[in-house]
Protein backbone atom coordinates (compact mmCIF):
# COMPACT_ATOMS: atom_id res chain seq x y z
CA MET A 1 0.00 0.00 0.00
CA ALA A 2 1.26 3.46 -0.88
CA ARG A 3 2.73 5.48 1.94
CA ALA A 4 0.28 8.33 1.28
CA ALA A 5 -2.59 5.96 2.09
CA CYS A 6 -1.51 5.18 5.66
CA GLU A 7 -4.18 7.20 7.43
CA PHE A 8 -6.85 5.18 5.60
CA GLU A 9 -5.50 1.73 6.44
CA VAL A 10 -8.36 0.77 8.76
CA VAL A 11 -12.08 1.46 8.63
CA PRO A 12 -12.82 3.42 11.84
CA LEU A 13 -15.03 2.46 14.72
CA GLY A 14 -18.59 3.65 14.30
CA TRP A 15 -19.11 2.14 10.85
CA ALA A 16 -20.19 -1.51 10.89
CA HIS A 17 -22.28 -1.65 7.72
CA ARG A 18 -21.59 -3.90 4.78
CA HIS A 19 -24.00 -1.93 2.56
CA LEU A 20 -25.30 1.60 2.02
CA LEU A 21 -28.98 1.19 1.16
CA ASP A 22 -30.60 4.34 2.54
CA ILE A 23 -30.12 7.25 4.92
CA GLU A 24 -33.37 6.70 6.80
CA ARG A 25 -31.86 3.99 8.99
CA LEU A 26 -28.48 5.63 9.56
CA THR A 27 -27.79 7.34 12.88
CA SER A 28 -26.63 10.95 13.06
CA ASP A 29 -23.18 9.74 14.14
CA GLU A 30 -22.95 7.41 11.14
CA ILE A 31 -23.92 10.25 8.79
CA ARG A 32 -21.25 12.47 10.33
CA LEU A 33 -18.70 9.67 9.96
CA LEU A 34 -19.55 9.35 6.27
CA LEU A 35 -19.21 13.11 5.79
CA ASP A 36 -15.97 13.27 7.76
CA THR A 37 -14.51 10.40 5.74
CA ALA A 38 -15.50 12.13 2.49
CA GLY A 39 -13.76 15.28 3.72
CA ARG A 40 -10.57 13.34 4.45
CA PHE A 41 -10.57 11.84 0.97
CA LYS A 42 -11.21 15.22 -0.66
CA GLN A 43 -8.20 16.62 1.16
CA ALA A 44 -5.97 13.59 0.55
CA THR A 45 -6.72 13.58 -3.18
CA ASP A 46 -6.17 17.34 -3.61
CA GLY A 47 -9.82 18.14 -4.24
CA CYS A 48 -10.65 14.75 -5.79
CA ARG A 49 -8.10 15.17 -8.58
CA LYS A 50 -5.34 12.74 -7.53
CA LYS A 51 -5.28 9.00 -6.91
CA ILE A 52 -4.76 7.34 -3.55
CA ALA A 53 -4.54 3.59 -4.09
CA VAL A 54 -6.25 2.33 -0.94
CA LEU A 55 -8.64 -0.03 -2.78
CA SER A 56 -6.07 -1.52 -5.11
CA GLY A 57 -7.16 -5.06 -5.99
CA CYS A 58 -10.87 -4.36 -5.38
CA THR A 59 -13.41 -4.62 -8.19
CA ILE A 60 -16.57 -2.48 -8.25
CA VAL A 61 -19.48 -3.19 -10.62
CA ASN A 62 -21.81 -0.39 -11.76
CA LEU A 63 -25.12 -2.22 -12.23
CA PHE A 64 -27.45 0.44 -13.66
CA PHE A 65 -30.92 -0.42 -14.91
CA GLU A 66 -31.84 3.24 -15.46
CA ASN A 67 -30.07 5.86 -17.53
CA SER A 68 -27.41 7.83 -15.71
CA THR A 69 -24.52 10.07 -16.62
CA ARG A 70 -23.37 11.89 -13.50
CA THR A 71 -23.93 9.21 -10.87
CA ARG A 72 -22.48 6.34 -12.92
CA THR A 73 -19.46 8.41 -13.97
CA SER A 74 -18.97 9.75 -10.44
CA PHE A 75 -18.92 6.26 -8.92
CA ALA A 76 -16.55 5.02 -11.63
CA LEU A 77 -14.16 7.93 -11.12
CA ALA A 78 -14.37 7.64 -7.33
CA ALA A 79 -13.46 3.94 -7.50
CA ARG A 80 -10.56 4.61 -9.87
CA ARG A 81 -9.29 7.47 -7.69
CA LEU A 82 -9.00 4.82 -4.93
CA GLY A 83 -7.19 2.37 -7.22
CA ALA A 84 -10.10 -0.06 -7.72
CA ASP A 85 -11.07 -1.74 -10.98
CA VAL A 86 -14.48 -0.79 -12.37
CA ILE A 87 -16.89 -2.76 -14.54
CA ASP A 88 -19.73 -0.81 -16.16
CA PHE A 89 -22.47 -3.42 -16.66
CA SER A 90 -24.72 -2.85 -19.68
CA THR A 91 -28.20 -4.30 -19.24
CA SER A 92 -29.03 -3.93 -22.94
CA THR A 93 -26.20 -6.27 -24.02
CA SER A 94 -26.38 -8.69 -21.09
CA SER A 95 -28.08 -12.06 -20.73
CA LEU A 96 -31.02 -10.26 -19.13
CA SER A 97 -32.21 -9.73 -22.69
CA LYS A 98 -32.25 -13.54 -23.07
CA GLY A 99 -34.43 -14.12 -20.00
CA GLU A 100 -31.85 -14.43 -17.21
CA SER A 101 -33.20 -13.15 -13.89
CA PHE A 102 -31.91 -10.04 -12.16
CA ILE A 103 -30.71 -12.04 -9.14
CA ASP A 104 -28.96 -14.66 -11.28
CA THR A 105 -27.15 -11.90 -13.17
CA ALA A 106 -25.96 -10.36 -9.91
CA LYS A 107 -24.87 -13.72 -8.47
CA ASN A 108 -22.90 -14.51 -11.64
CA LEU A 109 -21.08 -11.20 -11.27
CA GLU A 110 -20.43 -12.00 -7.61
CA ALA A 111 -18.92 -15.36 -8.60
CA MET A 112 -16.30 -13.49 -10.63
CA GLY A 113 -14.76 -12.19 -7.42
CA ILE A 114 -16.11 -8.66 -7.23
CA ASP A 115 -16.13 -6.66 -3.99
CA ALA A 116 -19.16 -4.37 -4.35
CA VAL A 117 -22.13 -3.61 -6.56
CA VAL A 118 -23.40 -0.08 -7.17
CA VAL A 119 -27.00 -0.52 -8.28
CA ARG A 120 -29.62 1.79 -9.75
CA HIS A 121 -33.06 0.43 -10.50
CA GLY A 122 -36.54 1.82 -11.11
CA THR A 123 -38.14 -0.45 -8.50
CA PRO A 124 -37.94 0.66 -4.85
CA GLY A 125 -36.21 -1.88 -2.62
CA THR A 126 -34.11 -3.51 -5.34
CA PRO A 127 -30.77 -2.77 -3.59
CA HIS A 128 -32.22 -4.16 -0.35
CA LEU A 129 -33.13 -7.40 -2.16
CA LEU A 130 -29.62 -7.66 -3.58
CA ALA A 131 -28.13 -7.10 -0.14
CA GLN A 132 -30.10 -10.13 1.12
CA ARG A 133 -28.90 -12.37 -1.73
CA LEU A 134 -25.26 -11.35 -2.21
CA ASN A 135 -22.18 -11.63 -0.01
CA VAL A 136 -20.57 -8.46 -1.36
CA GLY A 137 -21.23 -4.81 -0.55
CA VAL A 138 -24.31 -3.22 -2.13
CA ILE A 139 -24.54 0.54 -2.62
CA ASN A 140 -27.84 2.13 -3.61
CA ALA A 141 -27.40 4.60 -6.48
CA GLY A 142 -31.14 5.28 -6.62
CA ASP A 143 -34.11 2.92 -6.35
CA GLY A 144 -37.16 4.39 -8.02
CA PRO A 145 -38.63 7.26 -5.99
CA HIS A 146 -37.41 5.76 -2.70
CA GLU A 147 -33.88 7.04 -1.94
CA HIS A 148 -30.61 8.18 -3.50
CA PRO A 149 -28.27 8.08 -0.48
CA THR A 150 -25.06 9.39 -2.03
CA GLN A 151 -26.88 12.32 -3.66
CA GLY A 152 -28.37 13.26 -0.31
CA LEU A 153 -24.96 12.92 1.34
CA LEU A 154 -23.17 15.05 -1.24
CA ASP A 155 -25.82 17.76 -0.95
CA ILE A 156 -25.44 17.78 2.83
CA PHE A 157 -21.64 17.64 2.53
CA SER A 158 -21.73 20.74 0.29
CA ILE A 159 -23.85 22.64 2.82
CA ARG A 160 -21.75 21.50 5.77
CA GLU A 161 -18.53 22.49 3.98
CA ARG A 162 -19.79 26.09 3.79
CA LEU A 163 -21.83 26.43 7.00
CA GLY A 164 -20.31 23.90 9.40
CA ASP A 165 -22.79 22.50 11.91
CA LEU A 166 -26.24 22.11 10.35
CA LYS A 167 -28.12 22.46 13.63
CA GLY A 168 -30.68 25.25 13.24
CA VAL A 169 -29.95 25.79 9.54
CA THR A 170 -33.14 26.22 7.47
CA VAL A 171 -33.11 24.26 4.22
CA GLY A 172 -35.85 24.54 1.62
CA LEU A 173 -36.35 21.53 -0.67
CA VAL A 174 -38.27 22.90 -3.65
CA GLY A 175 -39.97 21.02 -6.44
CA ASP A 176 -41.19 17.50 -7.14
CA ILE A 177 -41.09 16.09 -3.62
CA ALA A 178 -43.60 13.34 -4.42
CA HIS A 179 -41.35 11.57 -6.94
CA SER A 180 -37.89 12.64 -5.79
CA ARG A 181 -35.58 10.05 -4.21
CA THR A 182 -33.09 12.89 -3.70
CA ALA A 183 -35.64 14.75 -1.57
CA ARG A 184 -36.15 11.73 0.68
CA SER A 185 -32.44 11.16 1.26
CA ASN A 186 -31.88 14.86 1.93
CA LEU A 187 -34.84 15.01 4.28
CA TRP A 188 -33.67 12.14 6.48
CA GLY A 189 -30.08 13.34 6.61
CA LEU A 190 -30.94 16.97 7.32
CA LEU A 191 -33.41 16.11 10.09
CA LYS A 192 -30.92 13.79 11.79
CA LEU A 193 -28.29 16.56 11.76
CA GLY A 194 -30.66 19.09 13.33
CA ALA A 195 -31.61 21.23 10.33
CA ASN A 196 -35.02 22.80 9.85
CA VAL A 197 -36.56 21.47 6.63
CA ILE A 198 -39.23 23.15 4.52
CA LEU A 199 -40.77 21.24 1.61
CA CYS A 200 -42.14 23.55 -1.06
CA GLY A 201 -43.94 22.96 -4.33
CA PRO A 202 -47.39 22.60 -5.88
CA PRO A 203 -50.03 20.86 -3.70
CA THR A 204 -50.08 18.02 -6.24
CA LEU A 205 -46.38 17.35 -5.57
CA VAL A 206 -46.06 18.26 -1.88
CA SER A 207 -48.60 16.60 0.38
CA GLN A 208 -49.46 18.02 3.78
CA ARG A 209 -48.80 14.53 5.19
CA TRP A 210 -45.07 15.24 5.08
CA ARG A 211 -45.68 17.29 8.25
CA GLU A 212 -45.94 13.99 10.12
CA LEU A 213 -42.15 13.63 9.76
CA GLY A 214 -41.51 16.94 11.51
CA VAL A 215 -41.00 19.16 8.48
CA GLU A 216 -42.78 22.30 7.35
CA VAL A 217 -44.84 22.25 4.16
CA SER A 218 -45.43 25.31 2.00
CA HIS A 219 -46.89 25.90 -1.43
CA ASP A 220 -45.59 29.47 -1.67
CA LEU A 221 -41.93 29.86 -2.62
CA ASP A 222 -42.00 33.63 -2.19
CA ALA A 223 -43.08 33.19 1.43
CA ILE A 224 -40.21 30.88 2.40
CA VAL A 225 -37.29 32.37 0.41
CA PRO A 226 -36.43 35.12 2.96
CA ARG A 227 -36.30 32.52 5.77
CA CYS A 228 -34.03 29.97 4.13
CA ASP A 229 -30.28 29.59 4.53
CA VAL A 230 -30.19 27.00 1.73
CA LEU A 231 -32.47 26.24 -1.21
CA ASN A 232 -32.16 22.85 -2.93
CA LEU A 233 -33.99 23.07 -6.25
CA LEU A 234 -35.15 19.63 -7.35
CA ARG A 235 -35.84 18.53 -10.91
CA ILE A 236 -39.40 17.81 -12.02
CA GLN A 237 -39.51 14.03 -12.50
CA PHE A 238 -41.67 13.93 -15.63
CA GLU A 239 -40.60 10.32 -16.32
CA ARG A 240 -42.17 9.15 -13.02
CA GLN A 241 -45.47 11.02 -13.34
CA ASN A 242 -48.60 9.31 -14.62
CA THR A 243 -50.49 12.61 -14.96
CA ARG A 244 -49.34 16.20 -15.35
CA PRO A 245 -49.36 17.70 -11.81
CA PHE A 246 -49.59 21.33 -13.00
CA PRO A 247 -51.10 23.05 -16.05
CA SER A 248 -47.82 23.91 -17.79
CA VAL A 249 -44.06 24.12 -17.34
CA ARG A 250 -44.37 27.87 -17.84
CA GLU A 251 -46.75 28.18 -14.90
CA TYR A 252 -44.51 26.02 -12.70
CA ALA A 253 -41.51 28.21 -13.55
CA HIS A 254 -43.50 31.36 -12.75
CA LEU A 255 -44.46 30.06 -9.30
CA TYR A 256 -41.50 27.93 -8.26
CA ALA A 257 -38.36 28.70 -10.30
CA MET A 258 -35.62 30.45 -8.34
CA ASN A 259 -34.90 33.60 -10.34
CA GLY A 260 -33.02 36.85 -9.92
CA ASP A 261 -35.96 38.72 -8.39
CA ARG A 262 -36.44 36.07 -5.72
CA LEU A 263 -32.71 35.99 -5.07
CA LYS A 264 -32.80 39.73 -4.28
CA ARG A 265 -35.36 39.06 -1.53
CA ALA A 266 -33.31 36.21 -0.03
CA LYS A 267 -30.56 36.34 2.58
CA LYS A 268 -27.33 37.65 1.07
CA ASP A 269 -25.49 34.46 1.95
CA LEU A 270 -28.23 32.08 0.73
CA LEU A 271 -26.75 28.90 -0.76
CA ILE A 272 -28.26 27.49 -3.97
CA LEU A 273 -28.11 23.75 -4.68
CA ALA A 274 -29.56 21.88 -7.63
CA PRO A 275 -28.80 18.19 -8.22
CA GLY A 276 -28.02 17.67 -11.90
CA PRO A 277 -29.20 17.59 -14.50
CA ILE A 278 -30.58 21.10 -14.02
CA ASN A 279 -33.32 22.44 -16.25
CA ARG A 280 -32.43 26.08 -16.76
CA GLY A 281 -35.55 28.20 -16.90
CA VAL A 282 -37.72 25.58 -15.17
CA GLU A 283 -36.44 24.98 -11.62
CA VAL A 284 -33.76 27.68 -11.75
CA THR A 285 -32.91 30.51 -14.12
CA ALA A 286 -29.46 30.81 -15.70
CA ASP A 287 -28.45 33.88 -13.70
CA VAL A 288 -29.13 32.09 -10.40
CA ALA A 289 -27.52 28.81 -11.51
CA ASP A 290 -24.31 30.70 -12.24
CA CYS A 291 -24.38 33.16 -9.34
CA PRO A 292 -21.70 33.26 -6.60
CA GLN A 293 -24.06 31.59 -4.10
CA SER A 294 -24.53 28.58 -6.39
CA LEU A 295 -22.93 25.31 -5.25
CA ILE A 296 -24.05 23.34 -8.29
CA LEU A 297 -20.55 22.55 -9.57
CA ASP A 298 -19.26 22.10 -6.01
CA GLN A 299 -21.88 19.38 -5.64
CA VAL A 300 -20.39 17.51 -8.60
CA THR A 301 -16.88 17.61 -7.11
CA ASN A 302 -18.19 16.71 -3.67
CA GLY A 303 -20.01 13.76 -5.20
CA LEU A 304 -16.63 12.21 -5.93
CA ALA A 305 -15.49 12.78 -2.34
CA VAL A 306 -18.66 11.29 -0.86
CA ARG A 307 -18.56 8.26 -3.13
CA MET A 308 -14.90 7.68 -2.33
CA GLY A 309 -15.85 7.75 1.34
CA VAL A 310 -18.75 5.34 0.83
CA LEU A 311 -16.67 2.92 -1.23
CA TRP A 312 -13.92 2.99 1.39
CA LEU A 313 -16.26 2.38 4.30
CA THR A 314 -18.04 -0.48 2.56
CA CYS A 315 -15.03 -2.09 0.82
CA GLY A 316 -11.96 -0.95 2.74
CA PRO A 317 -9.77 -3.28 4.80
CA ARG A 318 -11.03 -4.10 8.27
CA GLU A 319 -8.93 -5.46 11.12
CA SER A 320 -10.23 -7.40 14.10
CA ASN A 321 -7.79 -5.91 16.61
CA GLY A 322 -6.90 -2.43 17.75
CA PRO A 323 -8.76 0.59 19.11
CA ASP A 324 -9.50 2.07 15.68
CA SER A 325 -10.88 -1.00 13.93
CA ILE A 326 -13.97 -3.16 13.60
CA ALA A 327 -14.76 -6.69 12.43
CA THR A 328 -12.97 -8.12 9.41
CA LEU A 329 -14.50 -7.66 5.98
CA GLY A 330 -15.41 -11.34 5.92
CA GLY A 331 -17.36 -10.99 9.16
CA ALA A 332 -21.02 -10.31 9.58
CA GLY A 333 -21.11 -6.56 9.09
CA ARG A 334 -24.49 -5.03 10.00
CA SER A 335 -26.42 -4.00 6.89
CA ILE A 336 -29.02 -1.26 6.78
């Protein structure tokens, strides 16, 4: 192992999971450990640009059943930054097209000696099913509208990097809450770290029942903008909607797009986040997307750091002895 990798030789106490399936069942301490580990990797790799070969010899499979550019590429780059080998599995050219089952495909990949599977699937719970059937690490890269853990973590990492402790910070999640897996992962993580969360969007996309989780619900963006420290502008998930939840995209943009006029009424240090791909002119106008308060490109960089941290914690070497270690990788790590 390279000398530069010494501080990462052992997975620290406090992380006993074999998989990362969602944020809902993580503790606040586990979320902080993930974020702290991501920060260490960002620093050690000079802002996610250099390699640090701590996962040399490991093989990671990207098993994506939905289209993806940023997440798939981010996981692949993160794995390679850590020295791991990466296989990008193509469902269109696999034996799935011949009738092979999803589980059989995954188990055949496992038999080739891989160390972890990064899976995206349109059906909620698919990564959880894989975690029950495989003896390698499973990382959820998005399962339908359920959760997208690493996207939630990178959003929170980006906020935390600027503001420090999130306790008392008011974060507005704006847009298609009903269909957004990013919103769910953000919501759980933010609440566990003590932030105040406001969900905002049309009544057809933001149910009042969200209040049961301890968040505020609003259908008026102009009313909440002056109160927010952070706005996370979520994409409208047209591909997951069975009916159009508002009369037109133009009307949605008029009521809910973050634009220059709204920015003038916000706090001067308001942070703007928008998980890609962004739709300029729909959820956010170009002037706001490119303004100094925008963290949109920071989120992309921080996605590499977070995914390096997740891959390390789920695949990194574990020792059974010593004050800074936990059970060996072959042991029964607790899944979530």
